[in-house]
Amino acid sequence: MLSLRVTRRFRNFAAAVLLTHSPAAVSNLIQNQNQKPLEEPALLKLKAERDPEKLFNLFKANAENKLVVENRFAFEDTVSRLAGANRFDYIEHLLEHQKTLPQGRREGYMVRIIMLYGKAGMIEHAIDTFHNMHLRGCKRTVKSFNAALKVLTGTRDLATIETFVNEAPKKFDIEFDIFSVNIIVKALCERGVLDKSYLLMVEMEKSGVTPDVITYTTLTSAYYKNNKAEIGNGLWNLMVLKGCLPNLATFNVRIQYLVNIRRAWHANDVMRLMQKIGIVPDEVSYNLVLKGFFQVGHFEMAKLVYFSLRGKGHKFNVKVYQTMVHYLCKGGEFDLAYTMCRDCMRTNWFLNVDTIHTLLEGLKKNGQLNKGKLHLTKSSIAS
């Protein structure tokens, strides 16, 4: 029940509003009720600020505001924009200060700082953060090791990576896990050191770290790209024999390889196999199969696959439209290419300039330039 004093106050306020009939007076009365205007939240200010120095000062002022520092996007976005402005001194100041706060004793938080230094290209700072975690009273496990390792692989310096892999686990009593193995395997494959990456997988399995689908997919893709299909196929079979089932990414690697060697029908069979075992193909799968049929001259089959999928209610992205229109123009099927281009534009997707130019030239030769001029020139300008 309201007290008498509060009731009288409310009654007087309501009476004043009724008697004045003035919006300005009402506004003044509200202000007089000690309602201060709300300040814009720090997260919104950070997002809107474009000046590096003001951004730095704003983040620094909110360095202990949990709504800011615990927000992954705000933190990453701030560091990214400061790095883009080459203000690495600001980044160092902010991140080093974060280490001194209570959350600096959490490994997960230190992992974030390591990764932020890595994204800013400050590799030495990232590795130093890993090495000095104990100075902040923070426990060091394979999670922080993997973060530092991930940052190092971005340098593509195999000698430095190898030194870190050989020394850090022994120094800090850390055992590799499957994430460690996958990071190293990927780094080796990207540098073309395939045999060493395969041997690493074998040795790790002997040590009790079982390869997973990511390990096999990374290796299989690398061997396919380096024209060592026999080994790639062997890895696929070994994966299945070990009870590690391929996933969407693995199937797409296989489809990509088959398309590259002009075996479009086999690529289509693989996509159908995916559906049978419950793995839903994605836009990459569809685009590769369509491209595969076009490249070997089976235009009718490509169109059949496209319309079959469309008939099942599948909605394509711009990459599929780009492939279809590009190859239809090559085959002289400008009417259908125009229709697909128009459908694509209706979803606010635009094809590249070269494809639009080819389509316009084809329509012009067929005396149909006016048919597509309005729509297609808009697309060309937008691109």
Protein backbone atom coordinates (compact mmCIF):
# COMPACT_ATOMS: atom_id res chain seq x y z
CA MET A 1 0.00 0.00 0.00
CA LEU A 2 1.39 3.48 -0.94
CA SER A 3 2.39 5.78 1.88
CA LEU A 4 0.47 9.02 2.29
CA ARG A 5 3.51 11.12 1.30
CA VAL A 6 4.12 9.19 -1.93
CA THR A 7 0.41 9.25 -2.77
CA ARG A 8 0.24 13.04 -2.35
CA ARG A 9 3.36 13.52 -4.48
CA PHE A 10 1.93 11.41 -7.29
CA ARG A 11 -1.44 13.20 -7.06
CA ASN A 12 0.22 16.62 -7.28
CA PHE A 13 2.35 15.54 -10.24
CA ALA A 14 -0.66 14.13 -12.09
CA ALA A 15 -2.68 17.25 -11.41
CA ALA A 16 0.06 19.47 -12.78
CA VAL A 17 0.21 17.43 -15.98
CA LEU A 18 -3.56 17.63 -16.43
CA LEU A 19 -3.71 21.40 -15.85
CA THR A 20 -0.76 22.56 -17.99
CA HIS A 21 -1.56 20.70 -21.24
CA SER A 22 1.95 21.74 -22.41
CA PRO A 23 4.41 19.09 -23.70
CA ALA A 24 7.32 21.32 -22.68
CA ALA A 25 5.95 21.65 -19.19
CA VAL A 26 5.48 17.91 -18.92
CA SER A 27 9.07 17.39 -20.03
CA ASN A 28 10.35 19.85 -17.42
CA LEU A 29 8.34 18.13 -14.71
CA ILE A 30 9.87 14.79 -15.64
CA GLN A 31 13.38 16.27 -15.47
CA ASN A 32 12.53 17.73 -12.08
CA GLN A 33 11.82 14.24 -10.81
CA ASN A 34 15.64 13.73 -10.75
CA GLN A 35 15.64 11.47 -13.81
CA LYS A 36 19.07 11.99 -15.42
CA PRO A 37 19.42 11.21 -19.15
CA LEU A 38 20.83 7.72 -19.75
CA GLU A 39 24.46 7.68 -20.89
CA GLU A 40 25.23 5.77 -24.07
CA PRO A 41 26.52 2.27 -23.20
CA ALA A 42 30.28 1.76 -23.50
CA LEU A 43 29.87 -1.08 -26.01
CA LEU A 44 27.98 1.21 -28.40
CA LYS A 45 30.57 3.93 -28.00
CA LEU A 46 33.39 1.51 -28.78
CA LYS A 47 31.61 0.25 -31.87
CA ALA A 48 30.99 3.77 -33.19
CA GLU A 49 34.41 5.28 -32.44
CA ARG A 50 36.76 5.52 -35.44
CA ASP A 51 39.61 7.64 -34.11
CA PRO A 52 42.38 5.26 -32.83
CA GLU A 53 43.44 7.50 -29.95
CA LYS A 54 39.87 8.08 -28.77
CA LEU A 55 39.17 4.36 -29.16
CA PHE A 56 42.20 3.54 -27.04
CA ASN A 57 41.22 6.00 -24.31
CA LEU A 58 37.63 4.79 -24.32
CA PHE A 59 38.65 1.15 -23.94
CA LYS A 60 41.22 2.10 -21.29
CA ALA A 61 38.53 3.92 -19.33
CA ASN A 62 36.44 0.73 -19.40
CA ALA A 63 39.33 -1.67 -18.80
CA GLU A 64 37.65 -3.04 -15.68
CA ASN A 65 34.12 -2.94 -17.03
CA LYS A 66 33.17 -6.61 -17.32
CA LEU A 67 30.51 -5.86 -19.91
CA VAL A 68 33.33 -4.64 -22.16
CA VAL A 69 36.33 -6.87 -21.42
CA GLU A 70 34.28 -10.05 -21.22
CA ASN A 71 32.65 -9.27 -24.57
CA ARG A 72 34.73 -11.18 -27.09
CA PHE A 73 33.54 -9.23 -30.11
CA ALA A 74 34.17 -5.80 -28.55
CA PHE A 75 37.67 -6.83 -27.47
CA GLU A 76 38.61 -8.36 -30.83
CA ASP A 77 37.11 -5.50 -32.80
CA THR A 78 39.00 -2.91 -30.79
CA VAL A 79 42.34 -4.69 -31.20
CA SER A 80 41.69 -5.28 -34.90
CA ARG A 81 41.01 -1.61 -35.57
CA LEU A 82 44.02 -0.47 -33.56
CA ALA A 83 46.18 -2.92 -35.51
CA GLY A 84 44.74 -1.56 -38.75
CA ALA A 85 45.89 1.90 -37.64
CA ASN A 86 49.36 0.50 -36.76
CA ARG A 87 48.91 1.51 -33.13
CA PHE A 88 50.60 -1.55 -31.69
CA ASP A 89 51.71 0.52 -28.68
CA TYR A 90 48.06 1.00 -27.75
CA ILE A 91 47.39 -2.72 -28.14
CA GLU A 92 50.33 -3.61 -25.91
CA HIS A 93 49.22 -1.13 -23.25
CA LEU A 94 45.66 -2.47 -23.19
CA LEU A 95 46.52 -6.18 -23.22
CA GLU A 96 49.35 -5.93 -20.69
CA HIS A 97 47.01 -4.10 -18.34
CA GLN A 98 44.40 -6.82 -18.75
CA LYS A 99 46.92 -9.38 -17.49
CA THR A 100 47.13 -7.55 -14.16
CA LEU A 101 43.38 -7.81 -13.50
CA PRO A 102 41.76 -10.71 -11.59
CA GLN A 103 40.67 -12.41 -14.84
CA GLY A 104 44.36 -12.61 -15.75
CA ARG A 105 44.56 -15.64 -13.47
CA ARG A 106 42.14 -17.57 -15.71
CA GLU A 107 43.76 -19.63 -18.44
CA GLY A 108 40.84 -19.08 -20.79
CA TYR A 109 41.29 -15.33 -20.51
CA MET A 110 45.04 -15.55 -21.12
CA VAL A 111 44.35 -17.70 -24.16
CA ARG A 112 42.24 -14.86 -25.49
CA ILE A 113 45.10 -12.39 -24.97
CA ILE A 114 47.52 -14.74 -26.75
CA MET A 115 45.15 -15.02 -29.70
CA LEU A 116 44.55 -11.25 -29.79
CA TYR A 117 48.28 -10.60 -29.93
CA GLY A 118 48.46 -13.16 -32.73
CA LYS A 119 45.68 -11.51 -34.74
CA ALA A 120 47.48 -8.19 -34.40
CA GLY A 121 50.64 -9.80 -35.77
CA MET A 122 52.47 -9.30 -32.46
CA ILE A 123 53.87 -12.83 -32.36
CA GLU A 124 56.63 -12.26 -29.81
CA HIS A 125 54.17 -10.69 -27.38
CA ALA A 126 51.86 -13.68 -27.79
CA ILE A 127 54.62 -16.22 -27.08
CA ASP A 128 55.95 -14.17 -24.16
CA THR A 129 52.44 -14.15 -22.70
CA PHE A 130 52.40 -17.95 -22.82
CA HIS A 131 55.87 -18.27 -21.26
CA ASN A 132 55.09 -15.83 -18.44
CA MET A 133 51.62 -17.02 -17.43
CA HIS A 134 52.92 -18.38 -14.11
CA LEU A 135 54.01 -14.86 -13.13
CA ARG A 136 50.32 -13.95 -13.04
CA GLY A 137 49.41 -17.01 -10.99
CA CYS A 138 47.77 -18.59 -14.02
CA LYS A 139 47.82 -22.34 -14.63
CA ARG A 140 49.31 -23.39 -17.97
CA THR A 141 47.86 -26.41 -19.82
CA VAL A 142 47.68 -27.77 -23.34
CA LYS A 143 44.93 -25.19 -24.10
CA SER A 144 47.29 -22.23 -23.80
CA PHE A 145 50.03 -24.24 -25.54
CA ASN A 146 47.69 -24.81 -28.50
CA ALA A 147 46.85 -21.11 -28.61
CA ALA A 148 50.53 -20.15 -28.76
CA LEU A 149 51.17 -22.88 -31.33
CA LYS A 150 48.28 -21.64 -33.47
CA VAL A 151 49.72 -18.13 -33.42
CA LEU A 152 53.15 -19.42 -34.42
CA THR A 153 51.80 -21.37 -37.39
CA GLY A 154 50.61 -18.07 -38.82
CA THR A 155 54.26 -17.12 -39.35
CA ARG A 156 54.79 -20.20 -41.58
CA ASP A 157 58.29 -20.40 -40.05
CA LEU A 158 58.72 -24.15 -39.66
CA ALA A 159 62.05 -23.86 -37.83
CA THR A 160 60.53 -21.66 -35.10
CA ILE A 161 57.45 -23.86 -34.88
CA GLU A 162 59.58 -27.00 -34.56
CA THR A 163 61.68 -25.43 -31.78
CA PHE A 164 58.57 -24.45 -29.86
CA VAL A 165 57.00 -27.91 -30.29
CA ASN A 166 60.16 -29.65 -29.11
CA GLU A 167 60.93 -27.41 -26.14
CA ALA A 168 57.70 -26.01 -24.63
CA PRO A 169 55.95 -29.32 -23.77
CA LYS A 170 59.02 -30.60 -21.94
CA LYS A 171 59.62 -27.33 -20.13
CA PHE A 172 56.06 -26.98 -18.89
CA ASP A 173 55.13 -30.66 -18.60
CA ILE A 174 52.44 -30.49 -21.29
CA GLU A 175 51.17 -33.43 -23.33
CA PHE A 176 49.86 -33.02 -26.86
CA ASP A 177 46.18 -33.54 -27.56
CA ILE A 178 44.44 -34.02 -30.90
CA PHE A 179 44.10 -30.25 -31.34
CA SER A 180 47.88 -29.88 -31.04
CA VAL A 181 48.39 -32.59 -33.66
CA ASN A 182 45.88 -31.03 -36.07
CA ILE A 183 47.51 -27.59 -35.78
CA ILE A 184 50.94 -29.02 -36.57
CA VAL A 185 49.67 -31.27 -39.37
CA LYS A 186 47.95 -28.33 -41.04
CA ALA A 187 51.07 -26.17 -40.77
CA LEU A 188 53.24 -28.89 -42.32
CA CYS A 189 50.74 -29.53 -45.11
CA GLU A 190 50.54 -25.85 -45.96
CA ARG A 191 54.30 -25.84 -46.41
CA GLY A 192 54.20 -28.99 -48.54
CA VAL A 193 55.92 -31.20 -45.96
CA LEU A 194 53.42 -34.02 -46.43
CA ASP A 195 55.44 -37.09 -45.46
CA LYS A 196 56.52 -35.51 -42.19
CA SER A 197 52.93 -34.58 -41.37
CA TYR A 198 51.79 -38.15 -42.03
CA LEU A 199 54.58 -39.58 -39.84
CA LEU A 200 53.62 -37.16 -37.08
CA MET A 201 50.07 -38.51 -37.17
CA VAL A 202 51.37 -42.08 -36.96
CA GLU A 203 53.71 -41.30 -34.05
CA MET A 204 51.02 -39.45 -32.14
CA GLU A 205 48.65 -42.39 -32.55
CA LYS A 206 51.30 -44.67 -31.07
CA SER A 207 51.50 -42.26 -28.13
CA GLY A 208 47.77 -42.54 -27.52
CA VAL A 209 46.49 -39.50 -29.47
CA THR A 210 43.93 -40.89 -31.92
CA PRO A 211 43.62 -39.00 -35.24
CA ASP A 212 40.17 -37.56 -35.88
CA VAL A 213 38.27 -36.63 -39.03
CA ILE A 214 40.03 -33.23 -39.17
CA THR A 215 43.44 -34.91 -39.19
CA TYR A 216 42.50 -37.24 -42.04
CA THR A 217 40.70 -34.53 -44.01
CA THR A 218 43.68 -32.17 -43.79
CA LEU A 219 46.11 -34.84 -44.96
CA THR A 220 43.83 -36.20 -47.69
CA SER A 221 43.26 -32.72 -49.10
CA ALA A 222 46.99 -31.97 -49.10
CA TYR A 223 47.88 -35.17 -50.94
CA TYR A 224 45.15 -34.59 -53.53
CA LYS A 225 46.35 -31.04 -54.13
CA ASN A 226 49.91 -32.28 -54.61
CA ASN A 227 48.84 -34.85 -57.22
CA LYS A 228 49.39 -37.83 -54.95
CA ALA A 229 45.96 -39.33 -55.39
CA GLU A 230 47.01 -42.87 -54.43
CA ILE A 231 48.04 -41.74 -50.97
CA GLY A 232 44.96 -39.51 -50.66
CA ASN A 233 42.70 -42.45 -51.52
CA GLY A 234 44.64 -44.64 -49.12
CA LEU A 235 44.12 -42.15 -46.30
CA TRP A 236 40.39 -42.09 -47.06
CA ASN A 237 40.24 -45.89 -46.80
CA LEU A 238 42.41 -45.94 -43.68
CA MET A 239 40.13 -43.39 -42.02
CA VAL A 240 37.05 -45.54 -42.67
CA LEU A 241 38.82 -48.74 -41.55
CA LYS A 242 39.79 -47.03 -38.29
CA GLY A 243 36.13 -46.25 -37.66
CA CYS A 244 36.52 -42.52 -38.28
CA LEU A 245 33.66 -41.55 -40.58
CA PRO A 246 34.12 -38.73 -43.13
CA ASN A 247 32.16 -35.53 -42.59
CA LEU A 248 30.91 -32.82 -44.95
CA ALA A 249 34.36 -31.24 -45.33
CA THR A 250 35.94 -34.62 -46.14
CA PHE A 251 33.36 -35.35 -48.82
CA ASN A 252 33.86 -31.91 -50.35
CA VAL A 253 37.59 -32.55 -50.54
CA ARG A 254 36.86 -35.78 -52.39
CA ILE A 255 34.39 -34.07 -54.75
CA GLN A 256 36.89 -31.30 -55.45
CA TYR A 257 39.54 -33.84 -56.39
CA LEU A 258 37.18 -35.72 -58.74
CA VAL A 259 36.13 -32.48 -60.43
CA ASN A 260 39.78 -31.49 -60.87
CA ILE A 261 40.53 -34.73 -62.73
CA ARG A 262 37.38 -34.33 -64.86
CA ARG A 263 35.40 -37.18 -63.30
CA ALA A 264 32.12 -35.32 -62.95
CA TRP A 265 29.93 -38.43 -62.84
CA HIS A 266 31.93 -39.86 -59.95
CA ALA A 267 31.70 -36.52 -58.15
CA ASN A 268 27.92 -36.63 -58.54
CA ASP A 269 27.88 -40.20 -57.21
CA VAL A 270 29.80 -39.06 -54.14
CA MET A 271 27.27 -36.29 -53.52
CA ARG A 272 24.43 -38.79 -53.78
CA LEU A 273 26.26 -41.12 -51.37
CA MET A 274 26.47 -38.27 -48.87
CA GLN A 275 22.70 -37.91 -48.92
CA LYS A 276 22.18 -41.66 -48.48
CA ILE A 277 24.24 -41.78 -45.30
CA GLY A 278 22.63 -38.65 -43.85
CA ILE A 279 25.21 -35.98 -44.64
CA VAL A 280 23.51 -32.99 -46.26
CA PRO A 281 25.56 -31.45 -49.11
CA ASP A 282 26.18 -27.71 -48.86
CA GLU A 283 26.64 -24.94 -51.41
CA VAL A 284 30.25 -26.00 -51.96
CA SER A 285 29.16 -29.54 -52.84
CA TYR A 286 26.48 -28.37 -55.29
CA ASN A 287 28.71 -25.79 -56.92
CA LEU A 288 31.53 -28.27 -57.44
CA VAL A 289 29.27 -30.89 -59.04
CA LEU A 290 27.65 -28.35 -61.36
CA LYS A 291 31.04 -26.96 -62.33
CA GLY A 292 32.30 -30.49 -62.92
CA PHE A 293 29.58 -31.31 -65.45
CA PHE A 294 30.02 -28.01 -67.25
CA GLN A 295 33.78 -28.44 -67.53
CA VAL A 296 33.45 -31.80 -69.31
CA GLY A 297 30.75 -30.48 -71.62
CA HIS A 298 27.71 -32.18 -70.02
CA PHE A 299 25.57 -29.04 -69.99
CA GLU A 300 22.28 -30.91 -69.95
CA MET A 301 23.32 -32.93 -66.91
CA ALA A 302 24.39 -29.78 -65.09
CA LYS A 303 21.01 -28.20 -65.79
CA LEU A 304 19.24 -31.39 -64.73
CA VAL A 305 21.05 -31.40 -61.39
CA TYR A 306 20.32 -27.71 -60.88
CA PHE A 307 16.61 -27.92 -61.61
CA SER A 308 16.27 -31.15 -59.67
CA LEU A 309 17.67 -29.47 -56.56
CA ARG A 310 15.59 -26.38 -57.15
CA GLY A 311 12.49 -28.51 -57.51
CA LYS A 312 13.16 -29.92 -54.06
CA GLY A 313 13.01 -26.41 -52.65
CA HIS A 314 16.73 -25.79 -52.39
CA LYS A 315 17.75 -22.12 -52.47
CA PHE A 316 21.14 -21.40 -54.00
CA ASN A 317 23.71 -18.78 -53.08
CA VAL A 318 25.42 -16.34 -55.43
CA LYS A 319 28.33 -18.70 -56.16
CA VAL A 320 25.99 -21.29 -57.69
CA TYR A 321 24.30 -18.61 -59.81
CA GLN A 322 27.72 -17.35 -60.87
CA THR A 323 28.73 -20.82 -62.03
CA MET A 324 25.48 -21.44 -63.88
CA VAL A 325 25.38 -18.10 -65.71
CA HIS A 326 29.09 -18.20 -66.55
CA TYR A 327 28.95 -21.62 -68.21
CA LEU A 328 25.54 -21.09 -69.82
CA CYS A 329 26.96 -18.03 -71.53
CA LYS A 330 29.91 -20.10 -72.67
CA GLY A 331 27.47 -22.57 -74.17
CA GLY A 332 25.46 -19.84 -75.89
CA GLU A 333 22.34 -20.36 -73.75
CA PHE A 334 21.78 -16.66 -73.12
CA ASP A 335 18.02 -16.85 -72.50
CA LEU A 336 18.40 -19.21 -69.56
CA ALA A 337 21.48 -17.32 -68.36
CA TYR A 338 19.46 -14.10 -68.37
CA THR A 339 16.63 -15.70 -66.38
CA MET A 340 19.03 -17.01 -63.74
CA CYS A 341 20.83 -13.68 -63.58
CA ARG A 342 17.51 -11.92 -63.01
CA ASP A 343 16.58 -14.42 -60.27
CA CYS A 344 19.92 -13.83 -58.62
CA MET A 345 19.49 -10.06 -58.68
CA ARG A 346 16.07 -10.34 -57.07
CA THR A 347 17.85 -11.57 -53.94
CA ASN A 348 20.26 -8.59 -54.09
CA TRP A 349 23.17 -10.75 -55.23
CA PHE A 350 25.24 -9.55 -58.15
CA LEU A 351 27.45 -11.50 -60.53
CA ASN A 352 30.93 -10.33 -61.49
CA VAL A 353 31.47 -7.74 -64.21
CA ASP A 354 33.03 -10.14 -66.74
CA THR A 355 30.05 -12.48 -66.60
CA ILE A 356 27.59 -9.59 -66.98
CA HIS A 357 29.55 -8.27 -69.95
CA THR A 358 29.54 -11.69 -71.64
CA LEU A 359 25.79 -12.01 -71.08
CA LEU A 360 25.10 -8.54 -72.49
CA GLU A 361 27.21 -9.31 -75.56
CA GLY A 362 25.30 -12.55 -76.09
CA LEU A 363 21.92 -10.86 -75.77
CA LYS A 364 23.10 -8.17 -78.19
CA LYS A 365 24.06 -10.76 -80.83
CA ASN A 366 20.64 -12.36 -80.47
CA GLY A 367 18.89 -9.03 -80.83
CA GLN A 368 17.68 -9.16 -77.21
CA LEU A 369 19.79 -6.42 -75.65
CA ASN A 370 16.79 -4.32 -74.60
CA LYS A 371 15.44 -7.34 -72.73
CA GLY A 372 18.26 -7.31 -70.22
CA LYS A 373 19.67 -3.82 -70.41
CA LEU A 374 17.74 -2.36 -67.47
CA HIS A 375 18.41 -5.20 -65.04
CA LEU A 376 21.91 -6.18 -66.08
CA THR A 377 23.41 -2.71 -66.22
CA LYS A 378 22.27 -2.25 -62.62
CA SER A 379 24.10 -5.45 -61.75
CA SER A 380 27.24 -4.30 -63.56
CA ILE A 381 27.27 -0.99 -61.66
CA ALA A 382 26.71 -2.71 -58.30
CA SER A 383 29.58 -5.10 -58.92
